Full PDB file with SEQRES, HELIX, SHEET, SSBOND, CRYST1, ORIGX, SCALE, CONECT and MASTER records, all heavy atoms in Angstrom:
SEQRES   1 A   34  LEU ASN PRO GLU ASP THR ALA ILE TYR TYR CYS ALA THR          
SEQRES   2 A   34  THR ASN GLY ARG TYR GLN VAL ILE VAL GLY LEU THR ALA          
SEQRES   3 A   34  THR GLN ASN TYR ALA TYR TRP GLY                              
HELIX    1 AA1 PRO A    3  ASP A    5  5                                   3    
HELIX    2 AA2 THR A   27  ASN A   29  5                                   3    
SHEET    1 AA1 2 ALA A  12  THR A  13  0                                        
SHEET    2 AA1 2 TYR A  32  TRP A  33 -1                                        
CRYST1    1.000    1.000    1.000  90.00  90.00  90.00 P 1           1          
ORIGX1      1.000000  0.000000  0.000000        0.00000                         
ORIGX2      0.000000  1.000000  0.000000        0.00000                         
ORIGX3      0.000000  0.000000  1.000000        0.00000                         
SCALE1      1.000000  0.000000  0.000000        0.00000                         
SCALE2      0.000000  1.000000  0.000000        0.00000                         
SCALE3      0.000000  0.000000  1.000000        0.00000                         
ATOM      1  N   LEU A   1     108.022  84.549  64.981  1.00  0.00           N  
ATOM      2  CA  LEU A   1     108.110  83.834  66.258  1.00  0.00           C  
ATOM      3  C   LEU A   1     109.376  82.892  66.336  1.00  0.00           C  
ATOM      4  O   LEU A   1     109.733  82.324  65.284  1.00  0.00           O  
ATOM      5  CB  LEU A   1     106.883  83.117  66.480  1.00  0.00           C  
ATOM      6  CG  LEU A   1     105.689  83.981  67.000  1.00  0.00           C  
ATOM      7  CD1 LEU A   1     104.430  83.146  66.833  1.00  0.00           C  
ATOM      8  CD2 LEU A   1     105.871  84.478  68.350  1.00  0.00           C  
ATOM      9  N   ASN A   2     110.000  82.774  67.538  1.00  0.00           N  
ATOM     10  CA  ASN A   2     111.088  81.834  67.602  1.00  0.00           C  
ATOM     11  C   ASN A   2     110.827  80.962  68.912  1.00  0.00           C  
ATOM     12  O   ASN A   2     109.960  81.331  69.725  1.00  0.00           O  
ATOM     13  CB  ASN A   2     112.488  82.521  67.696  1.00  0.00           C  
ATOM     14  CG  ASN A   2     112.424  83.520  68.812  1.00  0.00           C  
ATOM     15  OD1 ASN A   2     112.409  83.211  69.946  1.00  0.00           O  
ATOM     16  ND2 ASN A   2     112.594  84.874  68.496  1.00  0.00           N  
ATOM     17  N   PRO A   3     111.621  79.932  69.035  1.00  0.00           N  
ATOM     18  CA  PRO A   3     111.333  79.025  70.270  1.00  0.00           C  
ATOM     19  C   PRO A   3     111.384  79.719  71.560  1.00  0.00           C  
ATOM     20  O   PRO A   3     110.710  79.344  72.551  1.00  0.00           O  
ATOM     21  CB  PRO A   3     112.345  77.974  70.067  1.00  0.00           C  
ATOM     22  CG  PRO A   3     112.583  77.944  68.587  1.00  0.00           C  
ATOM     23  CD  PRO A   3     112.467  79.382  68.057  1.00  0.00           C  
ATOM     24  N   GLU A   4     112.157  80.810  71.673  1.00  0.00           N  
ATOM     25  CA  GLU A   4     112.238  81.440  72.850  1.00  0.00           C  
ATOM     26  C   GLU A   4     110.934  82.333  73.273  1.00  0.00           C  
ATOM     27  O   GLU A   4     110.798  82.794  74.337  1.00  0.00           O  
ATOM     28  CB  GLU A   4     113.321  82.471  72.800  1.00  0.00           C  
ATOM     29  CG  GLU A   4     114.756  81.951  72.900  1.00  0.00           C  
ATOM     30  CD  GLU A   4     115.131  81.109  71.613  1.00  0.00           C  
ATOM     31  OE1 GLU A   4     114.846  81.630  70.442  1.00  0.00           O  
ATOM     32  OE2 GLU A   4     115.663  80.046  71.767  1.00  0.00           O  
ATOM     33  N   ASP A   5     110.065  82.333  72.317  1.00  0.00           N  
ATOM     34  CA  ASP A   5     108.760  82.988  72.552  1.00  0.00           C  
ATOM     35  C   ASP A   5     107.775  82.050  73.152  1.00  0.00           C  
ATOM     36  O   ASP A   5     106.691  82.465  73.545  1.00  0.00           O  
ATOM     37  CB  ASP A   5     108.168  83.537  71.360  1.00  0.00           C  
ATOM     38  CG  ASP A   5     108.973  84.700  70.717  1.00  0.00           C  
ATOM     39  OD1 ASP A   5     109.391  85.632  71.490  1.00  0.00           O  
ATOM     40  OD2 ASP A   5     109.173  84.635  69.464  1.00  0.00           O  
ATOM     41  N   THR A   6     108.141  80.741  73.294  1.00  0.00           N  
ATOM     42  CA  THR A   6     107.218  79.770  73.948  1.00  0.00           C  
ATOM     43  C   THR A   6     107.068  80.120  75.280  1.00  0.00           C  
ATOM     44  O   THR A   6     107.882  80.250  76.141  1.00  0.00           O  
ATOM     45  CB  THR A   6     107.908  78.352  73.681  1.00  0.00           C  
ATOM     46  OG1 THR A   6     107.965  78.034  72.369  1.00  0.00           O  
ATOM     47  CG2 THR A   6     106.952  77.197  74.415  1.00  0.00           C  
ATOM     48  N   ALA A   7     105.702  80.237  75.671  1.00  0.00           N  
ATOM     49  CA  ALA A   7     105.361  80.469  77.048  1.00  0.00           C  
ATOM     50  C   ALA A   7     103.777  80.540  77.110  1.00  0.00           C  
ATOM     51  O   ALA A   7     103.091  80.552  76.195  1.00  0.00           O  
ATOM     52  CB  ALA A   7     105.952  81.895  77.449  1.00  0.00           C  
ATOM     53  N   ILE A   8     103.299  80.750  78.331  1.00  0.00           N  
ATOM     54  CA  ILE A   8     102.002  81.011  78.594  1.00  0.00           C  
ATOM     55  C   ILE A   8     101.920  82.541  78.484  1.00  0.00           C  
ATOM     56  O   ILE A   8     102.599  83.209  79.300  1.00  0.00           O  
ATOM     57  CB  ILE A   8     101.410  80.522  79.882  1.00  0.00           C  
ATOM     58  CG1 ILE A   8     101.465  79.068  79.851  1.00  0.00           C  
ATOM     59  CG2 ILE A   8      99.987  80.959  80.035  1.00  0.00           C  
ATOM     60  CD1 ILE A   8     101.145  78.309  81.215  1.00  0.00           C  
ATOM     61  N   TYR A   9     101.000  83.023  77.707  1.00  0.00           N  
ATOM     62  CA  TYR A   9     100.902  84.555  77.629  1.00  0.00           C  
ATOM     63  C   TYR A   9      99.598  85.047  78.337  1.00  0.00           C  
ATOM     64  O   TYR A   9      98.502  84.535  78.286  1.00  0.00           O  
ATOM     65  CB  TYR A   9     100.689  84.961  76.203  1.00  0.00           C  
ATOM     66  CG  TYR A   9     102.124  84.864  75.442  1.00  0.00           C  
ATOM     67  CD1 TYR A   9     102.694  83.657  75.170  1.00  0.00           C  
ATOM     68  CD2 TYR A   9     102.654  85.986  75.106  1.00  0.00           C  
ATOM     69  CE1 TYR A   9     103.937  83.738  74.518  1.00  0.00           C  
ATOM     70  CE2 TYR A   9     103.900  86.145  74.365  1.00  0.00           C  
ATOM     71  CZ  TYR A   9     104.515  84.936  74.097  1.00  0.00           C  
ATOM     72  OH  TYR A   9     105.773  84.903  73.484  1.00  0.00           O  
ATOM     73  N   TYR A  10      99.788  86.048  79.252  1.00  0.00           N  
ATOM     74  CA  TYR A  10      98.831  86.617  79.953  1.00  0.00           C  
ATOM     75  C   TYR A  10      98.500  88.099  79.692  1.00  0.00           C  
ATOM     76  O   TYR A  10      99.522  88.842  79.418  1.00  0.00           O  
ATOM     77  CB  TYR A  10      99.172  86.495  81.514  1.00  0.00           C  
ATOM     78  CG  TYR A  10      99.442  85.085  82.067  1.00  0.00           C  
ATOM     79  CD1 TYR A  10     100.816  84.643  81.998  1.00  0.00           C  
ATOM     80  CD2 TYR A  10      98.486  84.372  82.673  1.00  0.00           C  
ATOM     81  CE1 TYR A  10     101.069  83.391  82.561  1.00  0.00           C  
ATOM     82  CE2 TYR A  10      98.818  83.175  83.172  1.00  0.00           C  
ATOM     83  CZ  TYR A  10      99.959  82.613  83.079  1.00  0.00           C  
ATOM     84  OH  TYR A  10     100.305  81.434  83.616  1.00  0.00           O  
ATOM     85  N   CYS A  11      97.232  88.458  79.720  1.00  0.00           N  
ATOM     86  CA  CYS A  11      96.920  89.888  79.726  1.00  0.00           C  
ATOM     87  C   CYS A  11      96.642  90.284  81.106  1.00  0.00           C  
ATOM     88  O   CYS A  11      96.154  89.557  81.878  1.00  0.00           O  
ATOM     89  CB  CYS A  11      95.922  90.220  78.681  1.00  0.00           C  
ATOM     90  SG  CYS A  11      94.204  89.635  79.016  1.00  0.00           S  
ATOM     91  N   ALA A  12      96.878  91.575  81.309  1.00  0.00           N  
ATOM     92  CA  ALA A  12      96.539  92.137  82.586  1.00  0.00           C  
ATOM     93  C   ALA A  12      96.201  93.610  82.460  1.00  0.00           C  
ATOM     94  O   ALA A  12      96.583  94.219  81.537  1.00  0.00           O  
ATOM     95  CB  ALA A  12      97.818  91.947  83.537  1.00  0.00           C  
ATOM     96  N   THR A  13      95.500  94.072  83.531  1.00  0.00           N  
ATOM     97  CA  THR A  13      95.128  95.559  83.482  1.00  0.00           C  
ATOM     98  C   THR A  13      95.243  96.081  84.882  1.00  0.00           C  
ATOM     99  O   THR A  13      95.161  95.315  85.922  1.00  0.00           O  
ATOM    100  CB  THR A  13      93.819  95.768  82.920  1.00  0.00           C  
ATOM    101  OG1 THR A  13      93.586  97.129  82.590  1.00  0.00           O  
ATOM    102  CG2 THR A  13      92.681  95.307  83.881  1.00  0.00           C  
ATOM    103  N   THR A  14      95.440  97.338  85.051  1.00  0.00           N  
ATOM    104  CA  THR A  14      95.572  98.072  86.305  1.00  0.00           C  
ATOM    105  C   THR A  14      94.308  98.247  86.990  1.00  0.00           C  
ATOM    106  O   THR A  14      93.255  98.260  86.319  1.00  0.00           O  
ATOM    107  CB  THR A  14      96.438  99.404  86.021  1.00  0.00           C  
ATOM    108  OG1 THR A  14      95.720 100.186  85.152  1.00  0.00           O  
ATOM    109  CG2 THR A  14      97.768  99.214  85.550  1.00  0.00           C  
ATOM    110  N   ASN A  15      94.371  98.441  88.196  1.00  0.00           N  
ATOM    111  CA  ASN A  15      93.150  98.719  89.096  1.00  0.00           C  
ATOM    112  C   ASN A  15      92.676 100.087  88.914  1.00  0.00           C  
ATOM    113  O   ASN A  15      91.537 100.375  88.781  1.00  0.00           O  
ATOM    114  CB  ASN A  15      93.395  98.358  90.498  1.00  0.00           C  
ATOM    115  CG  ASN A  15      92.215  98.792  91.450  1.00  0.00           C  
ATOM    116  OD1 ASN A  15      92.273  99.857  92.092  1.00  0.00           O  
ATOM    117  ND2 ASN A  15      91.206  97.889  91.379  1.00  0.00           N  
ATOM    118  N   GLY A  16      93.573 101.033  88.939  1.00  0.00           N  
ATOM    119  CA  GLY A  16      93.197 102.456  88.881  1.00  0.00           C  
ATOM    120  C   GLY A  16      93.110 102.859  87.332  1.00  0.00           C  
ATOM    121  O   GLY A  16      93.553 102.330  86.419  1.00  0.00           O  
ATOM    122  N   ARG A  17      92.493 104.007  87.118  1.00  0.00           N  
ATOM    123  CA  ARG A  17      92.259 104.540  85.923  1.00  0.00           C  
ATOM    124  C   ARG A  17      93.131 105.857  85.760  1.00  0.00           C  
ATOM    125  O   ARG A  17      93.301 106.526  86.701  1.00  0.00           O  
ATOM    126  CB  ARG A  17      90.832 104.769  85.556  1.00  0.00           C  
ATOM    127  CG  ARG A  17      89.956 103.667  85.580  1.00  0.00           C  
ATOM    128  CD  ARG A  17      88.473 103.973  85.192  1.00  0.00           C  
ATOM    129  NE  ARG A  17      88.325 104.264  83.855  1.00  0.00           N  
ATOM    130  CZ  ARG A  17      87.363 104.875  83.272  1.00  0.00           C  
ATOM    131  NH1 ARG A  17      86.362 105.295  84.045  1.00  0.00           N  
ATOM    132  NH2 ARG A  17      87.287 105.134  81.926  1.00  0.00           N  
ATOM    133  N   TYR A  18      93.541 106.202  84.611  1.00  0.00           N  
ATOM    134  CA  TYR A  18      94.215 107.379  84.197  1.00  0.00           C  
ATOM    135  C   TYR A  18      95.380 107.623  85.106  1.00  0.00           C  
ATOM    136  O   TYR A  18      95.705 108.630  85.686  1.00  0.00           O  
ATOM    137  CB  TYR A  18      93.258 108.605  84.325  1.00  0.00           C  
ATOM    138  CG  TYR A  18      92.052 108.457  83.463  1.00  0.00           C  
ATOM    139  CD1 TYR A  18      90.831 108.166  83.988  1.00  0.00           C  
ATOM    140  CD2 TYR A  18      92.183 108.377  81.975  1.00  0.00           C  
ATOM    141  CE1 TYR A  18      89.729 108.047  83.185  1.00  0.00           C  
ATOM    142  CE2 TYR A  18      91.131 108.279  81.214  1.00  0.00           C  
ATOM    143  CZ  TYR A  18      89.777 108.053  81.831  1.00  0.00           C  
ATOM    144  OH  TYR A  18      88.713 107.806  80.950  1.00  0.00           O  
ATOM    145  N   GLN A  19      96.204 106.486  85.303  1.00  0.00           N  
ATOM    146  CA  GLN A  19      97.332 106.480  86.165  1.00  0.00           C  
ATOM    147  C   GLN A  19      98.567 107.180  85.402  1.00  0.00           C  
ATOM    148  O   GLN A  19      98.576 107.145  84.139  1.00  0.00           O  
ATOM    149  CB  GLN A  19      97.762 105.146  86.670  1.00  0.00           C  
ATOM    150  CG  GLN A  19      96.727 104.475  87.493  1.00  0.00           C  
ATOM    151  CD  GLN A  19      97.193 103.158  87.973  1.00  0.00           C  
ATOM    152  OE1 GLN A  19      97.674 102.429  87.178  1.00  0.00           O  
ATOM    153  NE2 GLN A  19      97.040 102.917  89.365  1.00  0.00           N  
ATOM    154  N   VAL A  20      99.487 107.692  86.026  1.00  0.00           N  
ATOM    155  CA  VAL A  20     100.696 108.198  85.533  1.00  0.00           C  
ATOM    156  C   VAL A  20     101.411 106.997  84.868  1.00  0.00           C  
ATOM    157  O   VAL A  20     101.469 105.907  85.417  1.00  0.00           O  
ATOM    158  CB  VAL A  20     101.667 108.829  86.597  1.00  0.00           C  
ATOM    159  CG1 VAL A  20     102.918 109.279  85.953  1.00  0.00           C  
ATOM    160  CG2 VAL A  20     100.887 110.050  87.130  1.00  0.00           C  
ATOM    161  N   ILE A  21     102.038 107.189  83.679  1.00  0.00           N  
ATOM    162  CA  ILE A  21     102.766 106.148  83.060  1.00  0.00           C  
ATOM    163  C   ILE A  21     104.039 105.923  83.808  1.00  0.00           C  
ATOM    164  O   ILE A  21     104.975 106.525  83.581  1.00  0.00           O  
ATOM    165  CB  ILE A  21     103.057 106.559  81.525  1.00  0.00           C  
ATOM    166  CG1 ILE A  21     101.663 106.836  80.886  1.00  0.00           C  
ATOM    167  CG2 ILE A  21     103.817 105.376  80.874  1.00  0.00           C  
ATOM    168  CD1 ILE A  21     101.893 107.380  79.544  1.00  0.00           C  
ATOM    169  N   VAL A  22     103.922 104.870  84.665  1.00  0.00           N  
ATOM    170  CA  VAL A  22     105.108 104.429  85.306  1.00  0.00           C  
ATOM    171  C   VAL A  22     105.024 103.050  85.694  1.00  0.00           C  
ATOM    172  O   VAL A  22     103.810 102.498  86.007  1.00  0.00           O  
ATOM    173  CB  VAL A  22     105.385 105.382  86.539  1.00  0.00           C  
ATOM    174  CG1 VAL A  22     104.169 105.189  87.599  1.00  0.00           C  
ATOM    175  CG2 VAL A  22     106.652 104.991  87.355  1.00  0.00           C  
ATOM    176  N   GLY A  23     106.020 102.169  85.789  1.00  0.00           N  
ATOM    177  CA  GLY A  23     106.031 100.870  86.181  1.00  0.00           C  
ATOM    178  C   GLY A  23     105.213  99.877  85.393  1.00  0.00           C  
ATOM    179  O   GLY A  23     104.759  98.903  85.875  1.00  0.00           O  
ATOM    180  N   LEU A  24     105.076 100.176  84.051  1.00  0.00           N  
ATOM    181  CA  LEU A  24     104.247  99.323  83.260  1.00  0.00           C  
ATOM    182  C   LEU A  24     104.848  97.932  82.899  1.00  0.00           C  
ATOM    183  O   LEU A  24     104.192  97.132  82.517  1.00  0.00           O  
ATOM    184  CB  LEU A  24     104.130 100.027  81.913  1.00  0.00           C  
ATOM    185  CG  LEU A  24     103.257 101.366  81.885  1.00  0.00           C  
ATOM    186  CD1 LEU A  24     103.278 102.017  80.487  1.00  0.00           C  
ATOM    187  CD2 LEU A  24     101.807 101.139  82.467  1.00  0.00           C  
ATOM    188  N   THR A  25     106.169  97.769  83.283  1.00  0.00           N  
ATOM    189  CA  THR A  25     106.799  96.514  83.081  1.00  0.00           C  
ATOM    190  C   THR A  25     106.697  95.556  84.280  1.00  0.00           C  
ATOM    191  O   THR A  25     107.134  94.491  84.152  1.00  0.00           O  
ATOM    192  CB  THR A  25     108.143  96.644  82.629  1.00  0.00           C  
ATOM    193  OG1 THR A  25     108.968  97.207  83.753  1.00  0.00           O  
ATOM    194  CG2 THR A  25     108.396  97.589  81.442  1.00  0.00           C  
ATOM    195  N   ALA A  26     106.186  95.994  85.403  1.00  0.00           N  
ATOM    196  CA  ALA A  26     106.245  95.303  86.651  1.00  0.00           C  
ATOM    197  C   ALA A  26     104.850  94.615  86.760  1.00  0.00           C  
ATOM    198  O   ALA A  26     103.781  95.179  86.830  1.00  0.00           O  
ATOM    199  CB  ALA A  26     106.495  96.145  87.844  1.00  0.00           C  
ATOM    200  N   THR A  27     104.887  93.282  87.139  1.00  0.00           N  
ATOM    201  CA  THR A  27     103.702  92.570  87.231  1.00  0.00           C  
ATOM    202  C   THR A  27     102.820  92.999  88.399  1.00  0.00           C  
ATOM    203  O   THR A  27     101.645  92.934  88.373  1.00  0.00           O  
ATOM    204  CB  THR A  27     103.938  90.994  87.488  1.00  0.00           C  
ATOM    205  OG1 THR A  27     104.880  90.811  88.603  1.00  0.00           O  
ATOM    206  CG2 THR A  27     104.702  90.457  86.255  1.00  0.00           C  
ATOM    207  N   GLN A  28     103.518  93.484  89.434  1.00  0.00           N  
ATOM    208  CA  GLN A  28     102.829  93.954  90.699  1.00  0.00           C  
ATOM    209  C   GLN A  28     102.063  95.231  90.520  1.00  0.00           C  
ATOM    210  O   GLN A  28     101.175  95.484  91.383  1.00  0.00           O  
ATOM    211  CB  GLN A  28     103.903  94.143  91.864  1.00  0.00           C  
ATOM    212  CG  GLN A  28     105.039  95.040  91.555  1.00  0.00           C  
ATOM    213  CD  GLN A  28     106.237  94.296  90.986  1.00  0.00           C  
ATOM    214  OE1 GLN A  28     106.168  93.487  90.225  1.00  0.00           O  
ATOM    215  NE2 GLN A  28     107.363  94.570  91.796  1.00  0.00           N  
ATOM    216  N   ASN A  29     102.220  95.840  89.383  1.00  0.00           N  
ATOM    217  CA  ASN A  29     101.347  97.081  89.146  1.00  0.00           C  
ATOM    218  C   ASN A  29     100.076  96.768  88.339  1.00  0.00           C  
ATOM    219  O   ASN A  29      99.359  97.674  88.049  1.00  0.00           O  
ATOM    220  CB  ASN A  29     102.223  98.012  88.357  1.00  0.00           C  
ATOM    221  CG  ASN A  29     103.272  98.669  89.157  1.00  0.00           C  
ATOM    222  OD1 ASN A  29     103.155  98.867  90.442  1.00  0.00           O  
ATOM    223  ND2 ASN A  29     104.374  98.925  88.650  1.00  0.00           N  
ATOM    224  N   TYR A  30      99.878  95.431  88.138  1.00  0.00           N  
ATOM    225  CA  TYR A  30      98.594  95.004  87.521  1.00  0.00           C  
ATOM    226  C   TYR A  30      97.783  94.295  88.437  1.00  0.00           C  
ATOM    227  O   TYR A  30      98.235  93.230  89.054  1.00  0.00           O  
ATOM    228  CB  TYR A  30      98.969  94.200  86.214  1.00  0.00           C  
ATOM    229  CG  TYR A  30      99.609  95.013  85.109  1.00  0.00           C  
ATOM    230  CD1 TYR A  30     100.998  95.226  85.197  1.00  0.00           C  
ATOM    231  CD2 TYR A  30      98.851  95.534  84.108  1.00  0.00           C  
ATOM    232  CE1 TYR A  30     101.683  95.954  84.153  1.00  0.00           C  
ATOM    233  CE2 TYR A  30      99.433  96.296  83.049  1.00  0.00           C  
ATOM    234  CZ  TYR A  30     100.863  96.519  83.225  1.00  0.00           C  
ATOM    235  OH  TYR A  30     101.488  97.271  82.188  1.00  0.00           O  
ATOM    236  N   ALA A  31      96.522  94.601  88.591  1.00  0.00           N  
ATOM    237  CA  ALA A  31      95.642  94.018  89.488  1.00  0.00           C  
ATOM    238  C   ALA A  31      94.796  92.819  89.069  1.00  0.00           C  
ATOM    239  O   ALA A  31      94.445  91.890  89.825  1.00  0.00           O  
ATOM    240  CB  ALA A  31      94.651  95.074  90.046  1.00  0.00           C  
ATOM    241  N   TYR A  32      94.463  92.863  87.729  1.00  0.00           N  
ATOM    242  CA  TYR A  32      93.656  91.825  87.106  1.00  0.00           C  
ATOM    243  C   TYR A  32      94.334  91.091  86.069  1.00  0.00           C  
ATOM    244  O   TYR A  32      95.012  91.700  85.192  1.00  0.00           O  
ATOM    245  CB  TYR A  32      92.320  92.439  86.623  1.00  0.00           C  
ATOM    246  CG  TYR A  32      91.593  93.250  87.736  1.00  0.00           C  
ATOM    247  CD1 TYR A  32      91.586  94.594  87.808  1.00  0.00           C  
ATOM    248  CD2 TYR A  32      90.937  92.559  88.593  1.00  0.00           C  
ATOM    249  CE1 TYR A  32      90.977  95.247  88.628  1.00  0.00           C  
ATOM    250  CE2 TYR A  32      90.248  93.289  89.709  1.00  0.00           C  
ATOM    251  CZ  TYR A  32      90.268  94.616  89.701  1.00  0.00           C  
ATOM    252  OH  TYR A  32      89.558  95.287  90.679  1.00  0.00           O  
ATOM    253  N   TRP A  33      94.291  89.758  86.158  1.00  0.00           N  
ATOM    254  CA  TRP A  33      95.010  88.909  85.184  1.00  0.00           C  
ATOM    255  C   TRP A  33      94.040  87.887  84.616  1.00  0.00           C  
ATOM    256  O   TRP A  33      93.158  87.367  85.197  1.00  0.00           O  
ATOM    257  CB  TRP A  33      96.086  88.191  85.893  1.00  0.00           C  
ATOM    258  CG  TRP A  33      97.186  89.057  86.348  1.00  0.00           C  
ATOM    259  CD1 TRP A  33      97.201  89.845  87.475  1.00  0.00           C  
ATOM    260  CD2 TRP A  33      98.450  89.294  85.779  1.00  0.00           C  
ATOM    261  NE1 TRP A  33      98.318  90.583  87.614  1.00  0.00           N  
ATOM    262  CE2 TRP A  33      99.120  90.184  86.502  1.00  0.00           C  
ATOM    263  CE3 TRP A  33      98.981  88.826  84.614  1.00  0.00           C  
ATOM    264  CZ2 TRP A  33     100.417  90.641  86.214  1.00  0.00           C  
ATOM    265  CZ3 TRP A  33     100.335  89.229  84.183  1.00  0.00           C  
ATOM    266  CH2 TRP A  33     100.975  90.171  85.026  1.00  0.00           C  
ATOM    267  N   GLY A  34      94.349  87.489  83.303  1.00  0.00           N  
ATOM    268  CA  GLY A  34      93.625  86.405  82.746  1.00  0.00           C  
ATOM    269  C   GLY A  34      94.262  85.091  83.060  1.00  0.00           C  
ATOM    270  O   GLY A  34      95.253  85.042  83.783  1.00  0.00           O  
TER     271      GLY A  34                                                      
MASTER        0    0    0    2    2    0    0    6  270    1    0    3          
END                                                                             
């Protein structure tokens, strides 16, 4: 770890199941957040 890793870390999951692997890096594609 380095100082640039300092942040609040969130986990999230998608609404749908068995979705095509696409857009995994976009926050808007995750429906539920901690």
